[in-house]
Amino acid sequence: MQTHSINGELRSATGKKPSATLRKENLVPAVIYGGEKNIHFQAHKREFKHLVYSPDFKIAEITIDGAPTKCILKDIQFHPVSDELVHIDFQELVPAKKMILELPIRFKGVSPGVKGGGKLQQLMRRVKVKVSPEDIVDVLYIDISTLELNMSARVKELEINDGIEVMLPGATPVAIVQTPRALKSADAAEELEGAEGTAEGAEGAEGAAPAAEGDAPAAK
């Protein structure tokens, strides 16, 4: 399990004005909830960089006044113009207490459809699950080694342990192997050529029939 460490300080005041003052000093206001009490803290924006701007799922270990708390990232607020971090919410990991989070999806194997010229389109990059801290994993895998052209991999095929409950219907598609236009055009051209060849053969057979009838008297 990947863990990202964050060093923070307790916030002495909350609200819009104190938070605005913090941001001017490159500090980001944040809160940890879900435990015995909510913890309002602040940390320099660089502390969050490798957690917020990452496609990977990570546990955040936030140390405040020497006391570490393990959490997951729950919500991020960005400034609508500057895109700077405005506020971050964390949920504390409480043993045996289930929570809802999103885990990234990765593929296993090589699709024969892709080998044949198809294009793998990932329709879902993360999936929402309910899980307790003891059963959290970094990533969920799905095997695509049997996917031919125009076949899809679905949520029910995700490799999960008994402690993870996926919050989506099993038939929901995760990825599909699409047939590219060029390949479709080539297949269509082959079908058309085959159809024309069949038609020409049929016309030739029909044209030969009268000649056979005309030759019959000469044979006498």
C-alpha atoms as a PDB file:
ATOM      1  CA  MET A   1       0.000   0.000   0.000  1.00  0.00           C
ATOM      2  CA  GLN A   2       1.412   3.378  -1.020  1.00  0.00           C
ATOM      3  CA  THR A   3       1.547   5.950   1.772  1.00  0.00           C
ATOM      4  CA  HIS A   4       2.105   9.691   1.438  1.00  0.00           C
ATOM      5  CA  SER A   5       3.319  11.606   4.481  1.00  0.00           C
ATOM      6  CA  ILE A   6       2.038  15.093   5.255  1.00  0.00           C
ATOM      7  CA  ASN A   7       3.248  17.398   8.034  1.00  0.00           C
ATOM      8  CA  GLY A   8       0.628  19.854   9.245  1.00  0.00           C
ATOM      9  CA  GLU A   9      -0.261  22.225  12.045  1.00  0.00           C
ATOM     10  CA  LEU A  10      -3.522  22.691  13.911  1.00  0.00           C
ATOM     11  CA  ARG A  11      -5.550  25.664  12.726  1.00  0.00           C
ATOM     12  CA  SER A  12      -6.256  28.228  15.404  1.00  0.00           C
ATOM     13  CA  ALA A  13      -9.173  29.728  13.470  1.00  0.00           C
ATOM     14  CA  THR A  14     -11.569  28.585  10.771  1.00  0.00           C
ATOM     15  CA  GLY A  15     -13.763  30.468   8.323  1.00  0.00           C
ATOM     16  CA  LYS A  16     -13.348  32.383   5.066  1.00  0.00           C
ATOM     17  CA  LYS A  17     -11.074  35.204   6.247  1.00  0.00           C
ATOM     18  CA  PRO A  18      -8.531  33.043   8.155  1.00  0.00           C
ATOM     19  CA  SER A  19      -8.498  30.554   5.248  1.00  0.00           C
ATOM     20  CA  ALA A  20      -7.855  33.344   2.723  1.00  0.00           C
ATOM     21  CA  THR A  21      -4.944  34.543   4.843  1.00  0.00           C
ATOM     22  CA  LEU A  22      -3.457  31.036   4.886  1.00  0.00           C
ATOM     23  CA  ARG A  23      -3.632  30.730   1.101  1.00  0.00           C
ATOM     24  CA  LYS A  24      -1.704  33.967   0.670  1.00  0.00           C
ATOM     25  CA  GLU A  25       1.105  32.274   2.619  1.00  0.00           C
ATOM     26  CA  ASN A  26       0.949  29.148   0.364  1.00  0.00           C
ATOM     27  CA  LEU A  27      -0.782  27.187   3.112  1.00  0.00           C
ATOM     28  CA  VAL A  28      -3.809  25.005   2.404  1.00  0.00           C
ATOM     29  CA  PRO A  29      -6.613  24.646   4.993  1.00  0.00           C
ATOM     30  CA  ALA A  30      -7.806  21.073   5.475  1.00  0.00           C
ATOM     31  CA  VAL A  31      -9.899  18.912   7.766  1.00  0.00           C
ATOM     32  CA  ILE A  32      -9.857  15.299   8.943  1.00  0.00           C
ATOM     33  CA  TYR A  33     -13.233  13.801   9.839  1.00  0.00           C
ATOM     34  CA  GLY A  34     -14.676  10.350  10.521  1.00  0.00           C
ATOM     35  CA  GLY A  35     -12.852   9.706  13.802  1.00  0.00           C
ATOM     36  CA  GLU A  36     -13.657  10.712  17.365  1.00  0.00           C
ATOM     37  CA  LYS A  37     -13.480  14.390  16.444  1.00  0.00           C
ATOM     38  CA  ASN A  38     -12.851  16.625  13.461  1.00  0.00           C
ATOM     39  CA  ILE A  39      -9.303  17.928  13.126  1.00  0.00           C
ATOM     40  CA  HIS A  40      -8.815  21.257  11.340  1.00  0.00           C
ATOM     41  CA  PHE A  41      -5.251  21.758  10.173  1.00  0.00           C
ATOM     42  CA  GLN A  42      -3.079  23.542   7.649  1.00  0.00           C
ATOM     43  CA  ALA A  43      -0.048  22.510   5.605  1.00  0.00           C
ATOM     44  CA  HIS A  44       2.117  23.993   2.876  1.00  0.00           C
ATOM     45  CA  LYS A  45       0.717  23.263  -0.580  1.00  0.00           C
ATOM     46  CA  ARG A  46       3.850  21.322  -1.531  1.00  0.00           C
ATOM     47  CA  GLU A  47       2.917  18.718   1.106  1.00  0.00           C
ATOM     48  CA  PHE A  48      -0.109  17.696  -0.987  1.00  0.00           C
ATOM     49  CA  LYS A  49       1.485  17.734  -4.450  1.00  0.00           C
ATOM     50  CA  HIS A  50       2.255  14.009  -4.841  1.00  0.00           C
ATOM     51  CA  LEU A  51      -1.067  13.020  -3.310  1.00  0.00           C
ATOM     52  CA  VAL A  52      -3.441  15.299  -5.223  1.00  0.00           C
ATOM     53  CA  TYR A  53      -1.732  15.252  -8.623  1.00  0.00           C
ATOM     54  CA  SER A  54      -1.363  11.496  -8.933  1.00  0.00           C
ATOM     55  CA  PRO A  55      -3.449   8.802 -10.670  1.00  0.00           C
ATOM     56  CA  ASP A  56      -2.491   6.311  -7.944  1.00  0.00           C
ATOM     57  CA  PHE A  57      -4.447   5.555  -4.810  1.00  0.00           C
ATOM     58  CA  LYS A  58      -2.482   6.405  -1.664  1.00  0.00           C
ATOM     59  CA  ILE A  59      -3.030   6.438   2.069  1.00  0.00           C
ATOM     60  CA  ALA A  60      -2.273   9.834   3.598  1.00  0.00           C
ATOM     61  CA  GLU A  61      -0.395   9.755   6.898  1.00  0.00           C
ATOM     62  CA  ILE A  62      -0.918  13.208   8.374  1.00  0.00           C
ATOM     63  CA  THR A  63       1.268  14.160  11.331  1.00  0.00           C
ATOM     64  CA  ILE A  64       0.045  17.042  13.487  1.00  0.00           C
ATOM     65  CA  ASP A  65       1.896  17.995  16.664  1.00  0.00           C
ATOM     66  CA  GLY A  66       3.762  14.685  16.497  1.00  0.00           C
ATOM     67  CA  ALA A  67       0.613  12.549  16.284  1.00  0.00           C
ATOM     68  CA  PRO A  68       0.133  10.641  12.986  1.00  0.00           C
ATOM     69  CA  THR A  69      -3.330   9.904  11.590  1.00  0.00           C
ATOM     70  CA  LYS A  70      -3.950   7.655   8.601  1.00  0.00           C
ATOM     71  CA  CYS A  71      -6.589   8.938   6.186  1.00  0.00           C
ATOM     72  CA  ILE A  72      -7.866   8.804   2.657  1.00  0.00           C
ATOM     73  CA  LEU A  73      -8.410  11.804   0.407  1.00  0.00           C
ATOM     74  CA  LYS A  74     -12.150  12.477   0.094  1.00  0.00           C
ATOM     75  CA  ASP A  75     -12.632  15.865  -1.519  1.00  0.00           C
ATOM     76  CA  ILE A  76     -10.581  18.646  -3.107  1.00  0.00           C
ATOM     77  CA  GLN A  77     -11.631  22.203  -3.856  1.00  0.00           C
ATOM     78  CA  PHE A  78      -9.764  24.202  -6.509  1.00  0.00           C
ATOM     79  CA  HIS A  79      -9.942  27.909  -7.264  1.00  0.00           C
ATOM     80  CA  PRO A  80     -12.132  28.361 -10.381  1.00  0.00           C
ATOM     81  CA  VAL A  81      -9.644  30.749 -12.038  1.00  0.00           C
ATOM     82  CA  SER A  82      -6.141  30.000 -10.750  1.00  0.00           C
ATOM     83  CA  ASP A  83      -6.731  26.248 -10.185  1.00  0.00           C
ATOM     84  CA  GLU A  84      -4.867  26.548  -6.871  1.00  0.00           C
ATOM     85  CA  LEU A  85      -5.810  24.278  -3.972  1.00  0.00           C
ATOM     86  CA  VAL A  86      -8.485  25.917  -1.840  1.00  0.00           C
ATOM     87  CA  HIS A  87      -9.438  23.220   0.676  1.00  0.00           C
ATOM     88  CA  ILE A  88      -8.958  19.475   1.204  1.00  0.00           C
ATOM     89  CA  ASP A  89     -11.101  16.958   3.106  1.00  0.00           C
ATOM     90  CA  PHE A  90      -9.688  13.731   4.531  1.00  0.00           C
ATOM     91  CA  GLN A  91     -11.490  10.791   6.128  1.00  0.00           C
ATOM     92  CA  GLU A  92      -9.773   9.029   8.999  1.00  0.00           C
ATOM     93  CA  LEU A  93      -9.223   5.288   8.704  1.00  0.00           C
ATOM     94  CA  VAL A  94     -11.019   3.679  11.624  1.00  0.00           C
ATOM     95  CA  PRO A  95     -10.368  -0.074  12.089  1.00  0.00           C
ATOM     96  CA  ALA A  96     -13.289  -2.294  11.011  1.00  0.00           C
ATOM     97  CA  LYS A  97     -15.317   0.747   9.935  1.00  0.00           C
ATOM     98  CA  LYS A  98     -16.311   0.508   6.259  1.00  0.00           C
ATOM     99  CA  MET A  99     -16.019   3.526   4.004  1.00  0.00           C
ATOM    100  CA  ILE A 100     -16.709   4.382   0.388  1.00  0.00           C
ATOM    101  CA  LEU A 101     -13.763   5.247  -1.820  1.00  0.00           C
ATOM    102  CA  GLU A 102     -12.633   5.022  -5.444  1.00  0.00           C
ATOM    103  CA  LEU A 103      -9.885   2.631  -6.544  1.00  0.00           C
ATOM    104  CA  PRO A 104      -8.024   2.792  -9.862  1.00  0.00           C
ATOM    105  CA  ILE A 105      -8.477  -0.002 -12.418  1.00  0.00           C
ATOM    106  CA  ARG A 106      -5.559  -1.632 -14.230  1.00  0.00           C
ATOM    107  CA  PHE A 107      -5.460  -4.288 -16.976  1.00  0.00           C
ATOM    108  CA  LYS A 108      -3.817  -7.714 -16.932  1.00  0.00           C
ATOM    109  CA  GLY A 109      -2.828  -9.680 -20.022  1.00  0.00           C
ATOM    110  CA  VAL A 110      -2.872  -8.771 -23.705  1.00  0.00           C
ATOM    111  CA  SER A 111      -6.069  -8.685 -25.730  1.00  0.00           C
ATOM    112  CA  PRO A 112      -6.034 -10.814 -28.923  1.00  0.00           C
ATOM    113  CA  GLY A 113      -8.418  -8.269 -30.401  1.00  0.00           C
ATOM    114  CA  VAL A 114      -5.799  -5.549 -29.897  1.00  0.00           C
ATOM    115  CA  LYS A 115      -3.170  -7.799 -31.466  1.00  0.00           C
ATOM    116  CA  GLY A 116      -5.490  -8.112 -34.448  1.00  0.00           C
ATOM    117  CA  GLY A 117      -5.607  -4.362 -34.967  1.00  0.00           C
ATOM    118  CA  GLY A 118      -8.334  -3.356 -32.498  1.00  0.00           C
ATOM    119  CA  LYS A 119      -8.143  -0.436 -30.093  1.00  0.00           C
ATOM    120  CA  LEU A 120      -8.664  -0.891 -26.362  1.00  0.00           C
ATOM    121  CA  GLN A 121     -10.872   1.880 -24.987  1.00  0.00           C
ATOM    122  CA  GLN A 122     -10.983   2.217 -21.198  1.00  0.00           C
ATOM    123  CA  LEU A 123     -14.482   3.369 -20.237  1.00  0.00           C
ATOM    124  CA  MET A 124     -13.851   3.435 -16.495  1.00  0.00           C
ATOM    125  CA  ARG A 125     -10.596   4.396 -14.792  1.00  0.00           C
ATOM    126  CA  ARG A 126     -11.792   4.237 -11.184  1.00  0.00           C
ATOM    127  CA  VAL A 127     -14.549   2.282  -9.478  1.00  0.00           C
ATOM    128  CA  LYS A 128     -16.417   3.148  -6.297  1.00  0.00           C
ATOM    129  CA  VAL A 129     -16.210   0.477  -3.588  1.00  0.00           C
ATOM    130  CA  LYS A 130     -17.170  -0.017   0.063  1.00  0.00           C
ATOM    131  CA  VAL A 131     -14.352  -1.447   2.155  1.00  0.00           C
ATOM    132  CA  SER A 132     -12.861  -1.442   5.647  1.00  0.00           C
ATOM    133  CA  PRO A 133      -9.267  -0.186   6.178  1.00  0.00           C
ATOM    134  CA  GLU A 134      -7.996  -3.744   6.631  1.00  0.00           C
ATOM    135  CA  ASP A 135      -9.075  -4.720   3.103  1.00  0.00           C
ATOM    136  CA  ILE A 136      -8.013  -1.616   1.159  1.00  0.00           C
ATOM    137  CA  VAL A 137      -5.798  -2.282  -1.859  1.00  0.00           C
ATOM    138  CA  ASP A 138      -3.900   0.091  -4.177  1.00  0.00           C
ATOM    139  CA  VAL A 139      -5.565  -1.038  -7.388  1.00  0.00           C
ATOM    140  CA  LEU A 140      -8.152  -3.442  -8.827  1.00  0.00           C
ATOM    141  CA  TYR A 141      -7.178  -5.600 -11.800  1.00  0.00           C
ATOM    142  CA  ILE A 142      -9.231  -6.967 -14.679  1.00  0.00           C
ATOM    143  CA  ASP A 143      -8.018  -9.623 -17.138  1.00  0.00           C
ATOM    144  CA  ILE A 144      -8.362  -8.691 -20.832  1.00  0.00           C
ATOM    145  CA  SER A 145      -6.473 -11.655 -22.285  1.00  0.00           C
ATOM    146  CA  THR A 146      -9.666 -13.154 -23.790  1.00  0.00           C
ATOM    147  CA  LEU A 147     -11.092  -9.988 -25.360  1.00  0.00           C
ATOM    148  CA  GLU A 148     -11.583 -10.247 -29.112  1.00  0.00           C
ATOM    149  CA  LEU A 149     -12.741  -7.427 -31.399  1.00  0.00           C
ATOM    150  CA  ASN A 150     -15.950  -5.743 -30.188  1.00  0.00           C
ATOM    151  CA  MET A 151     -15.858  -7.604 -26.865  1.00  0.00           C
ATOM    152  CA  SER A 152     -15.984  -5.799 -23.513  1.00  0.00           C
ATOM    153  CA  ALA A 153     -14.736  -6.404 -19.964  1.00  0.00           C
ATOM    154  CA  ARG A 154     -17.304  -5.748 -17.227  1.00  0.00           C
ATOM    155  CA  VAL A 155     -17.342  -4.832 -13.550  1.00  0.00           C
ATOM    156  CA  LYS A 156     -18.230  -8.390 -12.519  1.00  0.00           C
ATOM    157  CA  GLU A 157     -14.866  -9.531 -13.922  1.00  0.00           C
ATOM    158  CA  LEU A 158     -12.813  -7.307 -11.608  1.00  0.00           C
ATOM    159  CA  GLU A 159     -10.484  -9.305  -9.370  1.00  0.00           C
ATOM    160  CA  ILE A 160     -11.595  -8.442  -5.826  1.00  0.00           C
ATOM    161  CA  ASN A 161     -11.323 -10.025  -2.403  1.00  0.00           C
ATOM    162  CA  ASP A 162     -14.283 -10.858  -0.161  1.00  0.00           C
ATOM    163  CA  GLY A 163     -13.888  -7.673   1.872  1.00  0.00           C
ATOM    164  CA  ILE A 164     -14.526  -5.344  -1.082  1.00  0.00           C
ATOM    165  CA  GLU A 165     -18.025  -4.470  -2.256  1.00  0.00           C
ATOM    166  CA  VAL A 166     -18.245  -2.823  -5.679  1.00  0.00           C
ATOM    167  CA  MET A 167     -20.903  -0.117  -5.796  1.00  0.00           C
ATOM    168  CA  LEU A 168     -21.856  -0.637  -9.455  1.00  0.00           C
ATOM    169  CA  PRO A 169     -23.899  -3.276 -11.357  1.00  0.00           C
ATOM    170  CA  GLY A 170     -21.814  -6.221 -12.552  1.00  0.00           C
ATOM    171  CA  ALA A 171     -22.824  -5.674 -16.184  1.00  0.00           C
ATOM    172  CA  THR A 172     -21.316  -2.167 -16.301  1.00  0.00           C
ATOM    173  CA  PRO A 173     -18.591  -2.112 -19.008  1.00  0.00           C
ATOM    174  CA  VAL A 174     -15.061  -1.224 -17.950  1.00  0.00           C
ATOM    175  CA  ALA A 175     -13.344  -1.457 -21.338  1.00  0.00           C
ATOM    176  CA  ILE A 176     -14.078  -2.498 -24.914  1.00  0.00           C
ATOM    177  CA  VAL A 177     -11.943  -3.555 -27.873  1.00  0.00           C
ATOM    178  CA  GLN A 178     -13.143  -1.417 -30.755  1.00  0.00           C
ATOM    179  CA  THR A 179     -12.638  -2.084 -34.450  1.00  0.00           C
ATOM    180  CA  PRO A 180     -10.853   0.917 -36.030  1.00  0.00           C
ATOM    181  CA  ARG A 181     -12.429   2.575 -39.085  1.00  0.00           C
ATOM    182  CA  ALA A 182      -9.578   1.486 -41.333  1.00  0.00           C
ATOM    183  CA  LEU A 183     -10.104  -2.138 -40.324  1.00  0.00           C
ATOM    184  CA  LYS A 184     -13.867  -1.819 -40.798  1.00  0.00           C
ATOM    185  CA  SER A 185     -13.318  -0.337 -44.275  1.00  0.00           C
ATOM    186  CA  ALA A 186     -10.935  -3.145 -45.225  1.00  0.00           C
ATOM    187  CA  ASP A 187     -13.421  -5.776 -44.038  1.00  0.00           C
ATOM    188  CA  ALA A 188     -16.257  -4.043 -45.901  1.00  0.00           C
ATOM    189  CA  ALA A 189     -14.171  -3.909 -49.084  1.00  0.00           C
ATOM    190  CA  GLU A 190     -13.389  -7.627 -48.827  1.00  0.00           C
ATOM    191  CA  GLU A 191     -17.068  -8.441 -48.316  1.00  0.00           C
ATOM    192  CA  LEU A 192     -18.030  -6.287 -51.306  1.00  0.00           C
ATOM    193  CA  GLU A 193     -15.361  -7.870 -53.481  1.00  0.00           C
ATOM    194  CA  GLY A 194     -16.530 -11.321 -52.447  1.00  0.00           C
ATOM    195  CA  ALA A 195     -20.147 -10.427 -53.191  1.00  0.00           C
ATOM    196  CA  GLU A 196     -19.246  -9.068 -56.636  1.00  0.00           C
ATOM    197  CA  GLY A 197     -17.256 -12.194 -57.418  1.00  0.00           C
ATOM    198  CA  THR A 198     -20.204 -14.377 -56.453  1.00  0.00           C
ATOM    199  CA  ALA A 199     -22.537 -12.278 -58.603  1.00  0.00           C
ATOM    200  CA  GLU A 200     -20.222 -12.514 -61.634  1.00  0.00           C
ATOM    201  CA  GLY A 201     -19.979 -16.253 -61.219  1.00  0.00           C
ATOM    202  CA  ALA A 202     -23.743 -16.560 -61.113  1.00  0.00           C
ATOM    203  CA  GLU A 203     -24.128 -14.425 -64.265  1.00  0.00           C
ATOM    204  CA  GLY A 204     -21.570 -16.544 -66.091  1.00  0.00           C
ATOM    205  CA  ALA A 205     -23.393 -19.717 -65.156  1.00  0.00           C
ATOM    206  CA  GLU A 206     -26.702 -18.302 -66.432  1.00  0.00           C
ATOM    207  CA  GLY A 207     -25.124 -17.185 -69.741  1.00  0.00           C
ATOM    208  CA  ALA A 208     -23.658 -20.630 -70.405  1.00  0.00           C
ATOM    209  CA  ALA A 209     -27.007 -22.425 -70.193  1.00  0.00           C
ATOM    210  CA  PRO A 210     -28.450 -21.333 -73.605  1.00  0.00           C
ATOM    211  CA  ALA A 211     -25.245 -22.314 -75.415  1.00  0.00           C
ATOM    212  CA  ALA A 212     -25.542 -25.812 -74.069  1.00  0.00           C
ATOM    213  CA  GLU A 213     -29.074 -26.049 -75.433  1.00  0.00           C
ATOM    214  CA  GLY A 214     -27.988 -24.782 -78.914  1.00  0.00           C
ATOM    215  CA  ASP A 215     -25.258 -27.400 -79.178  1.00  0.00           C
ATOM    216  CA  ALA A 216     -27.692 -30.243 -78.733  1.00  0.00           C
ATOM    217  CA  PRO A 217     -28.879 -30.464 -82.423  1.00  0.00           C
ATOM    218  CA  ALA A 218     -25.318 -30.371 -83.753  1.00  0.00           C
ATOM    219  CA  ALA A 219     -24.527 -33.428 -81.722  1.00  0.00           C
ATOM    220  CA  LYS A 220     -27.126 -35.498 -83.682  1.00  0.00           C
END
